[in-house]
């Protein structure tokens, strides 16, 4: 009996620590369905390391926000605008704290080094993290590195790039605001 109570208490504490974010994905015709589905699974795995759970939705948000709900909108764009650096795979508006655009044409170009779904997951998590932190900041290593190099792509092909402890602390701090 006591052991069961301890397990229930631990599960309740974990649920309280977990941060839930609703993410709406628009522009679904741009990304093949199986690629997006797999990318969302990998993104879930990566973000669980920061105690963040994503409630994935398709299309535009409808209705009013529930008080306390964190909402992010990810637009899948077929092509990147010319005004951006040619190596930018996506952009987020961290101070606005809602909108992300992924440039799927550029994601496809990099996929000779890593599977499209795995790369898309890393790109989405990187940008979602900017939104959750509410700042435009990068780490020296891991998923929040400013520019991934060949060795980063090779590593992400095997297993997800990690968050640094600072990344995680900033996510939790940003979500608390």
C-alpha atoms as a PDB file:
ATOM      1  CA  UNK A   1       0.000   0.000   0.000  1.00  0.00           C
ATOM      2  CA  UNK A   2       2.724   2.444   0.991  1.00  0.00           C
ATOM      3  CA  UNK A   3       4.724   1.631  -2.160  1.00  0.00           C
ATOM      4  CA  UNK A   4       1.654   2.310  -4.326  1.00  0.00           C
ATOM      5  CA  UNK A   5       1.152   5.685  -2.627  1.00  0.00           C
ATOM      6  CA  UNK A   6       4.795   6.602  -3.299  1.00  0.00           C
ATOM      7  CA  UNK A   7       4.418   5.736  -6.987  1.00  0.00           C
ATOM      8  CA  UNK A   8       1.230   7.807  -7.273  1.00  0.00           C
ATOM      9  CA  UNK A   9       2.880  10.738  -5.513  1.00  0.00           C
ATOM     10  CA  UNK A  10       5.928  10.545  -7.812  1.00  0.00           C
ATOM     11  CA  UNK A  11       3.674  10.446 -10.898  1.00  0.00           C
ATOM     12  CA  UNK A  12       1.716  13.460  -9.631  1.00  0.00           C
ATOM     13  CA  UNK A  13       4.912  15.425  -8.945  1.00  0.00           C
ATOM     14  CA  UNK A  14       6.213  14.592 -12.427  1.00  0.00           C
ATOM     15  CA  UNK A  15       2.946  15.757 -14.004  1.00  0.00           C
ATOM     16  CA  UNK A  16       3.214  19.026 -12.083  1.00  0.00           C
ATOM     17  CA  UNK A  17       6.803  19.558 -13.283  1.00  0.00           C
ATOM     18  CA  UNK A  18       5.953  18.920 -16.908  1.00  0.00           C
ATOM     19  CA  UNK A  19       5.180  21.994 -18.993  1.00  0.00           C
ATOM     20  CA  UNK A  20       2.581  21.584 -21.738  1.00  0.00           C
ATOM     21  CA  UNK A  21       2.576  23.662 -24.906  1.00  0.00           C
ATOM     22  CA  UNK A  22      -0.008  23.588 -27.685  1.00  0.00           C
ATOM     23  CA  UNK A  23       1.665  23.770 -31.098  1.00  0.00           C
ATOM     24  CA  UNK A  24      -0.399  24.404 -34.214  1.00  0.00           C
ATOM     25  CA  UNK A  25       1.248  23.354 -37.489  1.00  0.00           C
ATOM     26  CA  UNK A  26       0.054  25.148 -40.621  1.00  0.00           C
ATOM     27  CA  UNK A  27       1.054  24.648 -44.247  1.00  0.00           C
ATOM     28  CA  UNK A  28       0.598  20.901 -44.048  1.00  0.00           C
ATOM     29  CA  UNK A  29       0.715  20.438 -47.823  1.00  0.00           C
ATOM     30  CA  UNK A  30       4.382  21.496 -47.788  1.00  0.00           C
ATOM     31  CA  UNK A  31       5.675  18.559 -45.717  1.00  0.00           C
ATOM     32  CA  UNK A  32       4.817  14.919 -46.488  1.00  0.00           C
ATOM     33  CA  UNK A  33       2.533  13.553 -43.760  1.00  0.00           C
ATOM     34  CA  UNK A  34       4.822  10.662 -42.689  1.00  0.00           C
ATOM     35  CA  UNK A  35       7.801  13.038 -42.402  1.00  0.00           C
ATOM     36  CA  UNK A  36       5.842  15.470 -40.207  1.00  0.00           C
ATOM     37  CA  UNK A  37       4.448  12.656 -38.039  1.00  0.00           C
ATOM     38  CA  UNK A  38       7.914  11.185 -37.443  1.00  0.00           C
ATOM     39  CA  UNK A  39       9.381  14.657 -36.820  1.00  0.00           C
ATOM     40  CA  UNK A  40       6.748  15.309 -34.147  1.00  0.00           C
ATOM     41  CA  UNK A  41       7.604  12.012 -32.425  1.00  0.00           C
ATOM     42  CA  UNK A  42      11.317  12.868 -32.382  1.00  0.00           C
ATOM     43  CA  UNK A  43      10.550  16.432 -31.206  1.00  0.00           C
ATOM     44  CA  UNK A  44       8.469  14.986 -28.359  1.00  0.00           C
ATOM     45  CA  UNK A  45      11.417  12.819 -27.345  1.00  0.00           C
ATOM     46  CA  UNK A  46      13.843  15.749 -27.393  1.00  0.00           C
ATOM     47  CA  UNK A  47      11.563  18.132 -25.484  1.00  0.00           C
ATOM     48  CA  UNK A  48      10.750  15.529 -22.845  1.00  0.00           C
ATOM     49  CA  UNK A  49      14.365  15.982 -21.731  1.00  0.00           C
ATOM     50  CA  UNK A  50      13.368  19.500 -20.664  1.00  0.00           C
ATOM     51  CA  UNK A  51      10.066  18.372 -19.082  1.00  0.00           C
ATOM     52  CA  UNK A  52       8.110  19.925 -21.947  1.00  0.00           C
ATOM     53  CA  UNK A  53       5.160  18.130 -23.526  1.00  0.00           C
ATOM     54  CA  UNK A  54       3.715  19.212 -26.859  1.00  0.00           C
ATOM     55  CA  UNK A  55       0.035  18.978 -27.690  1.00  0.00           C
ATOM     56  CA  UNK A  56       0.310  18.909 -31.501  1.00  0.00           C
ATOM     57  CA  UNK A  57      -2.565  20.358 -33.515  1.00  0.00           C
ATOM     58  CA  UNK A  58      -2.995  20.767 -37.254  1.00  0.00           C
ATOM     59  CA  UNK A  59      -4.148  23.969 -38.876  1.00  0.00           C
ATOM     60  CA  UNK A  60      -4.934  27.333 -37.338  1.00  0.00           C
ATOM     61  CA  UNK A  61      -6.049  27.837 -33.743  1.00  0.00           C
ATOM     62  CA  UNK A  62      -9.766  28.230 -33.255  1.00  0.00           C
ATOM     63  CA  UNK A  63     -11.535  30.011 -30.454  1.00  0.00           C
ATOM     64  CA  UNK A  64     -10.029  31.729 -27.475  1.00  0.00           C
ATOM     65  CA  UNK A  65      -6.976  30.710 -25.514  1.00  0.00           C
ATOM     66  CA  UNK A  66      -7.509  28.938 -22.230  1.00  0.00           C
ATOM     67  CA  UNK A  67      -6.003  31.038 -19.404  1.00  0.00           C
ATOM     68  CA  UNK A  68      -2.453  29.869 -18.754  1.00  0.00           C
ATOM     69  CA  UNK A  69      -2.255  27.949 -22.045  1.00  0.00           C
ATOM     70  CA  UNK A  70       0.967  28.410 -24.014  1.00  0.00           C
ATOM     71  CA  UNK A  71       0.369  28.395 -27.765  1.00  0.00           C
ATOM     72  CA  UNK A  72       2.878  28.346 -30.625  1.00  0.00           C
ATOM     73  CA  UNK A  73       2.142  28.474 -34.357  1.00  0.00           C
ATOM     74  CA  UNK A  74       4.561  26.761 -36.748  1.00  0.00           C
ATOM     75  CA  UNK A  75       4.151  27.665 -40.417  1.00  0.00           C
ATOM     76  CA  UNK A  76       5.697  25.268 -42.922  1.00  0.00           C
ATOM     77  CA  UNK A  77       6.883  27.379 -45.861  1.00  0.00           C
ATOM     78  CA  UNK A  78       7.750  25.855 -49.215  1.00  0.00           C
ATOM     79  CA  UNK A  79      10.596  28.334 -49.752  1.00  0.00           C
ATOM     80  CA  UNK A  80      12.658  30.736 -47.685  1.00  0.00           C
ATOM     81  CA  UNK A  81      12.497  34.471 -48.351  1.00  0.00           C
ATOM     82  CA  UNK A  82      15.565  35.940 -50.053  1.00  0.00           C
ATOM     83  CA  UNK A  83      16.103  38.438 -47.207  1.00  0.00           C
ATOM     84  CA  UNK A  84      17.402  35.668 -44.905  1.00  0.00           C
ATOM     85  CA  UNK A  85      20.812  34.102 -44.648  1.00  0.00           C
ATOM     86  CA  UNK A  86      21.100  31.227 -47.120  1.00  0.00           C
ATOM     87  CA  UNK A  87      21.824  28.807 -44.257  1.00  0.00           C
ATOM     88  CA  UNK A  88      18.737  29.681 -42.165  1.00  0.00           C
ATOM     89  CA  UNK A  89      16.444  26.652 -41.930  1.00  0.00           C
ATOM     90  CA  UNK A  90      13.758  28.493 -39.962  1.00  0.00           C
ATOM     91  CA  UNK A  91      13.037  31.634 -38.011  1.00  0.00           C
ATOM     92  CA  UNK A  92      11.245  32.341 -34.773  1.00  0.00           C
ATOM     93  CA  UNK A  93       9.953  35.528 -33.225  1.00  0.00           C
ATOM     94  CA  UNK A  94      11.135  34.900 -29.654  1.00  0.00           C
ATOM     95  CA  UNK A  95      10.068  38.262 -28.251  1.00  0.00           C
ATOM     96  CA  UNK A  96       6.631  37.967 -29.829  1.00  0.00           C
ATOM     97  CA  UNK A  97       6.543  34.393 -28.376  1.00  0.00           C
ATOM     98  CA  UNK A  98       4.132  32.742 -30.830  1.00  0.00           C
ATOM     99  CA  UNK A  99       5.264  32.445 -34.458  1.00  0.00           C
ATOM    100  CA  UNK A 100       7.795  30.167 -36.140  1.00  0.00           C
ATOM    101  CA  UNK A 101       8.372  29.624 -39.858  1.00  0.00           C
ATOM    102  CA  UNK A 102      10.224  26.539 -41.129  1.00  0.00           C
ATOM    103  CA  UNK A 103      11.700  26.697 -44.628  1.00  0.00           C
ATOM    104  CA  UNK A 104      11.140  23.174 -45.841  1.00  0.00           C
ATOM    105  CA  UNK A 105      13.062  23.703 -49.103  1.00  0.00           C
ATOM    106  CA  UNK A 106      16.207  24.261 -47.048  1.00  0.00           C
ATOM    107  CA  UNK A 107      15.488  21.356 -44.699  1.00  0.00           C
ATOM    108  CA  UNK A 108      15.258  19.066 -47.753  1.00  0.00           C
ATOM    109  CA  UNK A 109      18.620  20.326 -49.049  1.00  0.00           C
ATOM    110  CA  UNK A 110      20.413  19.272 -45.852  1.00  0.00           C
ATOM    111  CA  UNK A 111      18.908  15.806 -45.729  1.00  0.00           C
ATOM    112  CA  UNK A 112      21.828  14.122 -47.457  1.00  0.00           C
ATOM    113  CA  UNK A 113      23.411  14.079 -43.981  1.00  0.00           C
ATOM    114  CA  UNK A 114      20.376  13.228 -41.848  1.00  0.00           C
ATOM    115  CA  UNK A 115      16.851  11.867 -42.434  1.00  0.00           C
ATOM    116  CA  UNK A 116      14.324  14.632 -43.259  1.00  0.00           C
ATOM    117  CA  UNK A 117      12.084  13.849 -40.272  1.00  0.00           C
ATOM    118  CA  UNK A 118      14.980  13.857 -37.812  1.00  0.00           C
ATOM    119  CA  UNK A 119      16.313  17.163 -39.142  1.00  0.00           C
ATOM    120  CA  UNK A 120      12.835  18.718 -39.186  1.00  0.00           C
ATOM    121  CA  UNK A 121      12.380  17.665 -35.546  1.00  0.00           C
ATOM    122  CA  UNK A 122      15.631  19.366 -34.544  1.00  0.00           C
ATOM    123  CA  UNK A 123      14.730  22.526 -36.449  1.00  0.00           C
ATOM    124  CA  UNK A 124      11.271  22.697 -34.843  1.00  0.00           C
ATOM    125  CA  UNK A 125      12.647  22.047 -31.341  1.00  0.00           C
ATOM    126  CA  UNK A 126      15.367  24.681 -31.798  1.00  0.00           C
ATOM    127  CA  UNK A 127      12.793  27.303 -32.792  1.00  0.00           C
ATOM    128  CA  UNK A 128      10.198  26.203 -30.203  1.00  0.00           C
ATOM    129  CA  UNK A 129      12.930  26.607 -27.577  1.00  0.00           C
ATOM    130  CA  UNK A 130      13.559  30.203 -28.695  1.00  0.00           C
ATOM    131  CA  UNK A 131       9.838  30.909 -28.254  1.00  0.00           C
ATOM    132  CA  UNK A 132       9.651  29.196 -24.851  1.00  0.00           C
ATOM    133  CA  UNK A 133      12.761  30.985 -23.585  1.00  0.00           C
ATOM    134  CA  UNK A 134      11.516  34.288 -24.978  1.00  0.00           C
ATOM    135  CA  UNK A 135      15.020  35.316 -26.007  1.00  0.00           C
ATOM    136  CA  UNK A 136      17.295  35.125 -29.046  1.00  0.00           C
ATOM    137  CA  UNK A 137      20.181  33.161 -27.559  1.00  0.00           C
ATOM    138  CA  UNK A 138      22.304  30.207 -28.625  1.00  0.00           C
ATOM    139  CA  UNK A 139      24.471  27.650 -26.849  1.00  0.00           C
ATOM    140  CA  UNK A 140      28.010  26.552 -27.604  1.00  0.00           C
ATOM    141  CA  UNK A 141      26.816  22.972 -28.137  1.00  0.00           C
ATOM    142  CA  UNK A 142      23.736  20.825 -28.578  1.00  0.00           C
ATOM    143  CA  UNK A 143      20.383  21.582 -30.109  1.00  0.00           C
ATOM    144  CA  UNK A 144      20.539  25.317 -29.382  1.00  0.00           C
ATOM    145  CA  UNK A 145      23.860  25.814 -31.181  1.00  0.00           C
ATOM    146  CA  UNK A 146      23.615  28.764 -33.608  1.00  0.00           C
ATOM    147  CA  UNK A 147      25.019  26.892 -36.620  1.00  0.00           C
ATOM    148  CA  UNK A 148      25.113  23.130 -36.829  1.00  0.00           C
ATOM    149  CA  UNK A 149      28.198  21.697 -38.498  1.00  0.00           C
ATOM    150  CA  UNK A 150      28.783  18.394 -40.259  1.00  0.00           C
ATOM    151  CA  UNK A 151      29.586  16.656 -36.954  1.00  0.00           C
ATOM    152  CA  UNK A 152      26.301  17.928 -35.459  1.00  0.00           C
ATOM    153  CA  UNK A 153      24.319  16.512 -38.397  1.00  0.00           C
ATOM    154  CA  UNK A 154      26.172  13.214 -38.062  1.00  0.00           C
ATOM    155  CA  UNK A 155      25.393  13.131 -34.339  1.00  0.00           C
ATOM    156  CA  UNK A 156      21.691  13.977 -34.825  1.00  0.00           C
ATOM    157  CA  UNK A 157      21.404  11.150 -37.367  1.00  0.00           C
ATOM    158  CA  UNK A 158      22.290   8.723 -34.536  1.00  0.00           C
ATOM    159  CA  UNK A 159      20.498  10.330 -31.593  1.00  0.00           C
ATOM    160  CA  UNK A 160      18.893  13.675 -30.734  1.00  0.00           C
ATOM    161  CA  UNK A 161      21.142  16.599 -29.938  1.00  0.00           C
ATOM    162  CA  UNK A 162      20.841  17.458 -26.231  1.00  0.00           C
ATOM    163  CA  UNK A 163      19.890  20.599 -24.377  1.00  0.00           C
ATOM    164  CA  UNK A 164      22.463  22.168 -22.082  1.00  0.00           C
ATOM    165  CA  UNK A 165      21.444  22.676 -18.457  1.00  0.00           C
ATOM    166  CA  UNK A 166      21.297  26.429 -19.187  1.00  0.00           C
ATOM    167  CA  UNK A 167      18.921  25.797 -22.119  1.00  0.00           C
ATOM    168  CA  UNK A 168      16.575  23.876 -19.825  1.00  0.00           C
ATOM    169  CA  UNK A 169      16.717  26.478 -17.053  1.00  0.00           C
ATOM    170  CA  UNK A 170      15.888  29.229 -19.577  1.00  0.00           C
ATOM    171  CA  UNK A 171      12.977  27.202 -20.966  1.00  0.00           C
ATOM    172  CA  UNK A 172      11.483  26.812 -17.486  1.00  0.00           C
ATOM    173  CA  UNK A 173      12.150  30.449 -16.642  1.00  0.00           C
ATOM    174  CA  UNK A 174      10.572  31.634 -19.906  1.00  0.00           C
ATOM    175  CA  UNK A 175       7.505  29.460 -19.423  1.00  0.00           C
ATOM    176  CA  UNK A 176       7.013  30.751 -15.891  1.00  0.00           C
ATOM    177  CA  UNK A 177       6.719  34.339 -17.187  1.00  0.00           C
END
